[in-house]
Amino acid sequence: MVTRALFSPLAFLAIAFAVAGCKPDFGNPASLVTERRILAVKAEPPEVRAGDTATFRALVVSPDGTEASPAVDWSLCVAPKPLDENNIVTSACVDGSNDSLQGFGSATNDATATVPLKACSLFGSDPPPQAAGQPALRPRDPDVTGGYYQPLKLVAGDATAFALERITCSVTSGGAAISIEYAMTYKANQNPALTPLSATVDGAAADLGALPAGRDVDFDIGWDAAKVESFPVFDLVSQTLVTKREAMRVSWFASSGSFLHEVTGRDDKDMATDTTNRWTAPKTPGPVHLWAVLRDSRGGIDYASYDLTIR
């Protein structure tokens, strides 16, 4: 069984390391699709209030391309993560124990679910449920965008993944005035929108249906500037609401060849609306499938699939 996490509401995390001597073999990069995988889950809308409904669609792929009608089993995780567990979701939701999962769809790659009314107490800023005879638990901490998330689990054959639906919860820090101001100014996240992929080879425009074998190809892809949103976040230092702008990142995947970067994008200070990545085409002519998954820092998603031909 292949289990992958799709969690990505945070902006950008860079990890750098140097290795002396021999370079360890970490296996295939995450960008190389060698088996059936769930690359993304797009929710519409990408942010809801507890008790609201959202529709989810999974991007299920394999080395043969995007699966048009995969069978997917969907569940909501309804068990909060213990504070001593170092994970995004509780281990109970991973293995499905203790009634931690609430199924809401099967046999299709899209499904509709109502987020539980108690989502903000299970995963957000409201006080969590208190077990009899146990001390009260503190509410969850938000991420850097002030967000809270309802976890989902989906299984497509031998591929398992987890995704997060953003839930709008109240700001409980800073007093009543901050809470009221936040409620009046905050607007729920909307999904970003990709613009078409383009390619160049040695600076000249290249046809996606006729890319040269073994050559470096520079891909460029962008997003609609109107869908890059600003939003208020409570700042613990100043004890005020500050306005932030969404960061945008693209995760790259292909059935063959190799990318220079697994993820590219723009931080919240960068006003540019596109990103580039270099891909080395395979030396053997034939079809290659490429996927680009765009995420904003509040958890919104868009994705696109492309069929390339190597000549």
Protein backbone atom coordinates (compact mmCIF):
# COMPACT_ATOMS: atom_id res chain seq x y z
CA MET A 1 0.00 0.00 0.00
CA VAL A 2 1.32 3.43 -0.93
CA THR A 3 0.48 6.14 1.60
CA ARG A 4 1.18 9.78 0.83
CA ALA A 5 0.27 13.01 2.53
CA LEU A 6 -1.07 15.87 0.46
CA PHE A 7 -0.85 18.41 3.26
CA SER A 8 0.37 21.71 1.92
CA PRO A 9 -1.33 24.74 3.46
CA LEU A 10 1.97 26.21 4.62
CA ALA A 11 3.98 28.45 2.31
CA PHE A 12 7.54 27.36 1.51
CA LEU A 13 9.94 25.15 3.44
CA ALA A 14 13.49 24.88 2.12
CA ILE A 15 15.74 22.05 3.28
CA ALA A 16 19.42 22.22 2.44
CA PHE A 17 22.09 19.71 3.32
CA ALA A 18 25.61 18.74 2.29
CA VAL A 19 27.01 15.23 2.23
CA ALA A 20 30.71 14.46 2.32
CA GLY A 21 31.98 11.42 0.48
CA CYS A 22 29.38 9.10 -1.05
CA LYS A 23 25.90 10.41 -1.80
CA PRO A 24 23.21 8.19 -0.30
CA ASP A 25 20.60 6.64 -2.56
CA PHE A 26 17.19 8.07 -1.63
CA GLY A 27 15.41 6.18 -4.41
CA ASN A 28 13.23 7.82 -7.03
CA PRO A 29 12.36 11.49 -6.51
CA ALA A 30 8.79 12.33 -5.49
CA SER A 31 8.28 14.00 -8.86
CA LEU A 32 8.73 10.72 -10.77
CA VAL A 33 5.48 8.78 -11.14
CA THR A 34 6.34 5.08 -11.28
CA GLU A 35 3.15 3.67 -9.71
CA ARG A 36 -0.46 4.55 -9.06
CA ARG A 37 -0.62 7.70 -6.93
CA ILE A 38 -3.02 10.32 -5.64
CA LEU A 39 -1.30 13.62 -6.42
CA ALA A 40 -3.90 16.11 -5.22
CA VAL A 41 -7.41 16.62 -3.92
CA LYS A 42 -9.23 19.74 -5.08
CA ALA A 43 -12.09 20.94 -2.90
CA GLU A 44 -14.86 23.27 -4.05
CA PRO A 45 -15.02 25.47 -2.12
CA PRO A 46 -11.57 25.04 -0.53
CA GLU A 47 -12.70 26.61 2.75
CA VAL A 48 -15.98 26.16 4.58
CA ARG A 49 -17.54 26.73 7.98
CA ALA A 50 -18.36 23.79 10.21
CA GLY A 51 -21.63 22.27 9.01
CA ASP A 52 -21.15 23.41 5.41
CA THR A 53 -20.76 21.14 2.39
CA ALA A 54 -17.86 20.79 -0.05
CA THR A 55 -17.20 18.65 -3.12
CA PHE A 56 -13.84 16.91 -3.50
CA ARG A 57 -12.12 15.60 -6.62
CA ALA A 58 -8.99 13.44 -6.58
CA LEU A 59 -6.20 13.53 -9.15
CA VAL A 60 -5.29 9.85 -9.48
CA VAL A 61 -2.44 9.05 -11.85
CA SER A 62 -0.13 6.26 -12.97
CA PRO A 63 2.77 5.96 -15.44
CA ASP A 64 0.07 5.56 -18.12
CA GLY A 65 -1.42 8.98 -17.38
CA THR A 66 -4.39 10.46 -15.51
CA GLU A 67 -7.07 7.96 -14.56
CA ALA A 68 -10.41 9.23 -15.85
CA SER A 69 -12.74 7.33 -13.50
CA PRO A 70 -10.80 5.73 -10.65
CA ALA A 71 -12.64 4.06 -7.78
CA VAL A 72 -11.96 6.05 -4.61
CA ASP A 73 -13.18 5.49 -1.06
CA TRP A 74 -13.56 8.74 0.90
CA SER A 75 -13.64 9.34 4.66
CA LEU A 76 -13.61 12.28 7.04
CA CYS A 77 -11.28 11.98 10.01
CA VAL A 78 -13.41 12.70 13.09
CA ALA A 79 -10.76 12.06 15.75
CA PRO A 80 -8.49 14.93 16.90
CA LYS A 81 -4.75 14.42 16.99
CA PRO A 82 -3.31 14.00 20.49
CA LEU A 83 -0.84 16.75 21.31
CA ASP A 84 1.91 14.19 21.88
CA GLU A 85 1.64 12.78 18.34
CA ASN A 86 4.07 14.29 15.84
CA ASN A 87 1.84 14.12 12.77
CA ILE A 88 -0.83 16.13 11.00
CA VAL A 89 -3.59 13.59 11.70
CA THR A 90 -3.95 11.11 14.51
CA SER A 91 -2.62 7.59 13.99
CA ALA A 92 -6.18 6.37 14.60
CA CYS A 93 -7.23 7.97 11.29
CA VAL A 94 -4.28 6.37 9.53
CA ASP A 95 -5.29 2.85 10.55
CA GLY A 96 -9.03 3.53 10.85
CA SER A 97 -9.32 2.41 14.47
CA ASN A 98 -11.70 3.58 17.23
CA ASP A 99 -14.43 4.91 14.90
CA SER A 100 -12.04 7.63 13.76
CA LEU A 101 -13.28 7.68 10.16
CA GLN A 102 -16.66 8.68 8.73
CA GLY A 103 -17.12 7.43 5.17
CA PHE A 104 -18.92 9.67 2.68
CA GLY A 105 -18.28 8.33 -0.82
CA SER A 106 -16.99 5.40 -2.84
CA ALA A 107 -16.52 4.10 -6.39
CA THR A 108 -15.86 7.56 -7.82
CA ASN A 109 -13.03 10.10 -7.86
CA ASP A 110 -15.32 12.87 -6.66
CA ALA A 111 -17.56 13.02 -3.61
CA THR A 112 -19.49 15.52 -1.50
CA ALA A 113 -19.34 15.77 2.28
CA THR A 114 -20.67 17.94 5.06
CA VAL A 115 -17.95 19.07 7.45
CA PRO A 116 -18.94 18.09 11.01
CA LEU A 117 -20.52 20.80 13.16
CA LYS A 118 -17.87 20.12 15.80
CA ALA A 119 -14.94 20.55 13.37
CA CYS A 120 -13.68 23.72 15.06
CA SER A 121 -13.58 21.96 18.44
CA LEU A 122 -11.91 18.85 17.01
CA PHE A 123 -9.39 20.65 14.80
CA GLY A 124 -9.74 24.39 15.40
CA SER A 125 -9.89 27.22 17.88
CA ASP A 126 -12.88 26.07 19.94
CA PRO A 127 -12.30 24.13 23.20
CA PRO A 128 -11.93 20.39 22.42
CA PRO A 129 -14.35 17.80 23.79
CA GLN A 130 -13.43 16.84 27.35
CA ALA A 131 -13.41 13.19 28.37
CA ALA A 132 -14.98 12.34 31.71
CA GLY A 133 -12.44 12.50 34.53
CA GLN A 134 -9.76 14.00 32.26
CA PRO A 135 -8.30 17.53 32.34
CA ALA A 136 -9.51 20.02 29.77
CA LEU A 137 -7.52 20.15 26.51
CA ARG A 138 -6.42 23.38 24.90
CA PRO A 139 -7.60 24.33 21.40
CA ARG A 140 -5.42 23.70 18.38
CA ASP A 141 -2.84 26.21 17.20
CA PRO A 142 -3.44 27.71 13.74
CA ASP A 143 -0.89 27.45 10.95
CA VAL A 144 1.06 30.52 9.84
CA THR A 145 -1.91 31.71 7.77
CA GLY A 146 -4.24 31.47 10.78
CA GLY A 147 -5.87 28.37 9.33
CA TYR A 148 -7.39 25.18 10.70
CA TYR A 149 -8.08 22.02 8.70
CA GLN A 150 -10.50 19.10 8.56
CA PRO A 151 -8.54 15.96 7.53
CA LEU A 152 -9.79 13.59 4.83
CA LYS A 153 -8.59 10.11 3.98
CA LEU A 154 -8.95 8.60 0.51
CA VAL A 155 -8.02 5.20 -0.86
CA ALA A 156 -7.74 4.35 -4.56
CA GLY A 157 -6.76 0.71 -4.89
CA ASP A 158 -3.28 0.36 -3.39
CA ALA A 159 -2.81 4.14 -3.10
CA THR A 160 -3.78 5.95 0.11
CA ALA A 161 -3.52 9.67 0.79
CA PHE A 162 -4.64 12.33 3.23
CA ALA A 163 -5.83 15.82 2.36
CA LEU A 164 -6.98 18.87 4.32
CA GLU A 165 -10.09 21.01 3.93
CA ARG A 166 -9.67 24.45 5.47
CA ILE A 167 -12.35 25.36 8.01
CA THR A 168 -13.24 28.90 9.06
CA CYS A 169 -13.01 29.11 12.85
CA SER A 170 -13.16 32.14 15.10
CA VAL A 171 -10.12 34.02 16.42
CA THR A 172 -10.15 33.51 20.19
CA SER A 173 -6.94 35.40 20.98
CA GLY A 174 -6.77 39.17 21.42
CA GLY A 175 -10.19 39.74 22.92
CA ALA A 176 -13.68 40.44 21.67
CA ALA A 177 -12.75 43.43 19.50
CA ILE A 178 -10.21 41.40 17.51
CA SER A 179 -12.68 38.54 17.13
CA ILE A 180 -15.35 40.89 15.76
CA GLU A 181 -12.93 42.65 13.39
CA TYR A 182 -11.70 39.30 12.09
CA ALA A 183 -15.23 38.05 11.48
CA MET A 184 -16.06 41.24 9.57
CA THR A 185 -12.93 41.32 7.38
CA TYR A 186 -11.98 37.69 6.74
CA LYS A 187 -13.06 36.12 3.46
CA ALA A 188 -12.92 32.39 2.91
CA ASN A 189 -10.24 31.11 0.56
CA GLN A 190 -10.96 30.47 -3.11
CA ASN A 191 -9.03 28.08 -5.32
CA PRO A 192 -6.23 29.49 -7.49
CA ALA A 193 -6.33 28.98 -11.27
CA LEU A 194 -3.48 27.76 -13.45
CA THR A 195 -2.67 29.27 -16.83
CA PRO A 196 -1.34 27.07 -19.67
CA LEU A 197 2.08 25.42 -19.62
CA SER A 198 4.66 26.51 -22.18
CA ALA A 199 8.07 25.09 -23.07
CA THR A 200 11.35 26.37 -24.49
CA VAL A 201 14.52 24.60 -25.60
CA ASP A 202 17.67 26.73 -25.77
CA GLY A 203 15.47 29.82 -25.46
CA ALA A 204 13.24 28.96 -28.43
CA ALA A 205 9.57 28.04 -28.09
CA ALA A 206 9.01 24.29 -28.22
CA ASP A 207 5.96 22.19 -29.08
CA LEU A 208 4.80 19.92 -26.22
CA GLY A 209 4.04 17.33 -28.88
CA ALA A 210 7.58 17.34 -30.29
CA LEU A 211 10.19 17.72 -27.53
CA PRO A 212 13.74 16.59 -28.30
CA ALA A 213 14.93 13.42 -26.59
CA GLY A 214 17.60 13.83 -23.91
CA ARG A 215 17.50 17.63 -23.99
CA ASP A 216 16.86 20.18 -21.25
CA VAL A 217 13.39 21.70 -21.52
CA ASP A 218 12.41 24.85 -19.60
CA PHE A 219 8.76 24.79 -18.57
CA ASP A 220 6.85 27.91 -17.54
CA ILE A 221 3.43 27.90 -15.94
CA GLY A 222 1.44 30.67 -14.31
CA TRP A 223 -1.71 31.50 -12.38
CA ASP A 224 -4.51 34.06 -12.47
CA ALA A 225 -3.36 37.15 -10.52
CA ALA A 226 -6.96 37.93 -9.54
CA LYS A 227 -7.12 34.73 -7.51
CA VAL A 228 -4.07 35.50 -5.36
CA GLU A 229 -5.82 36.74 -2.23
CA SER A 230 -4.99 38.79 0.84
CA PHE A 231 -6.33 37.94 4.29
CA PRO A 232 -6.03 39.00 7.97
CA VAL A 233 -3.98 36.99 10.48
CA PHE A 234 -3.76 37.60 14.22
CA ASP A 235 -0.18 38.56 15.15
CA LEU A 236 0.82 37.36 18.62
CA VAL A 237 3.62 39.93 18.99
CA SER A 238 1.63 43.07 18.14
CA GLN A 239 -1.69 41.62 19.32
CA THR A 240 -3.30 43.00 16.18
CA LEU A 241 -4.65 41.72 12.89
CA VAL A 242 -2.13 42.02 10.07
CA THR A 243 -2.81 41.59 6.37
CA LYS A 244 -0.93 38.87 4.52
CA ARG A 245 -0.88 37.74 0.91
CA GLU A 246 -0.96 34.19 -0.35
CA ALA A 247 2.23 32.46 -1.42
CA MET A 248 1.94 30.21 -4.49
CA ARG A 249 3.81 27.02 -5.25
CA VAL A 250 3.76 24.41 -8.00
CA SER A 251 4.61 20.75 -7.45
CA TRP A 252 5.90 19.05 -10.60
CA PHE A 253 5.39 15.41 -11.61
CA ALA A 254 6.15 13.35 -14.71
CA SER A 255 6.14 9.71 -15.76
CA SER A 256 9.70 9.97 -17.10
CA GLY A 257 12.61 12.38 -17.27
CA SER A 258 13.84 14.44 -14.33
CA PHE A 259 13.08 17.90 -12.90
CA LEU A 260 15.69 20.29 -11.58
CA HIS A 261 13.29 21.18 -8.74
CA GLU A 262 10.45 19.19 -7.17
CA VAL A 263 8.62 22.42 -6.22
CA THR A 264 8.85 25.98 -7.52
CA GLY A 265 6.80 29.11 -6.89
CA ARG A 266 6.59 32.59 -5.40
CA ASP A 267 6.51 33.71 -1.78
CA ASP A 268 3.96 36.14 -0.40
CA LYS A 269 6.15 39.17 -1.18
CA ASP A 270 6.71 38.25 -4.84
CA MET A 271 4.10 39.74 -7.18
CA ALA A 272 5.13 37.64 -10.21
CA THR A 273 2.44 35.26 -11.48
CA ASP A 274 4.47 32.47 -13.04
CA THR A 275 7.22 30.01 -12.22
CA THR A 276 9.74 28.03 -14.25
CA ASN A 277 11.40 24.65 -13.92
CA ARG A 278 13.94 22.75 -15.99
CA TRP A 279 13.16 19.20 -17.05
CA THR A 280 15.56 16.80 -18.74
CA ALA A 281 13.65 14.74 -21.28
CA PRO A 282 14.25 10.98 -21.45
CA LYS A 283 16.61 9.76 -24.15
CA THR A 284 14.04 7.32 -25.52
CA PRO A 285 11.34 8.74 -27.83
CA GLY A 286 7.70 8.19 -26.88
CA PRO A 287 4.90 9.60 -24.73
CA VAL A 288 5.44 11.20 -21.32
CA HIS A 289 2.74 12.40 -18.93
CA LEU A 290 3.27 15.58 -16.91
CA TRP A 291 1.26 17.05 -14.04
CA ALA A 292 1.46 20.45 -12.37
CA VAL A 293 -0.26 20.95 -9.00
CA LEU A 294 -0.69 24.58 -7.90
CA ARG A 295 -1.29 25.34 -4.21
CA ASP A 296 -1.81 28.60 -2.40
CA SER A 297 -0.64 28.93 1.19
CA ARG A 298 -4.20 28.68 2.55
CA GLY A 299 -4.77 25.25 1.03
CA GLY A 300 -6.44 26.12 -2.28
CA ILE A 301 -5.53 23.89 -5.23
CA ASP A 302 -5.63 23.72 -9.00
CA TYR A 303 -3.96 21.16 -11.23
CA ALA A 304 -3.37 20.37 -14.88
CA SER A 305 -2.33 17.30 -16.87
CA TYR A 306 -0.29 17.34 -20.08
CA ASP A 307 0.60 14.63 -22.60
CA LEU A 308 4.08 15.21 -24.01
CA THR A 309 5.71 13.49 -26.97
CA ILE A 310 9.46 12.94 -27.07
CA ARG A 311 10.97 12.72 -30.56
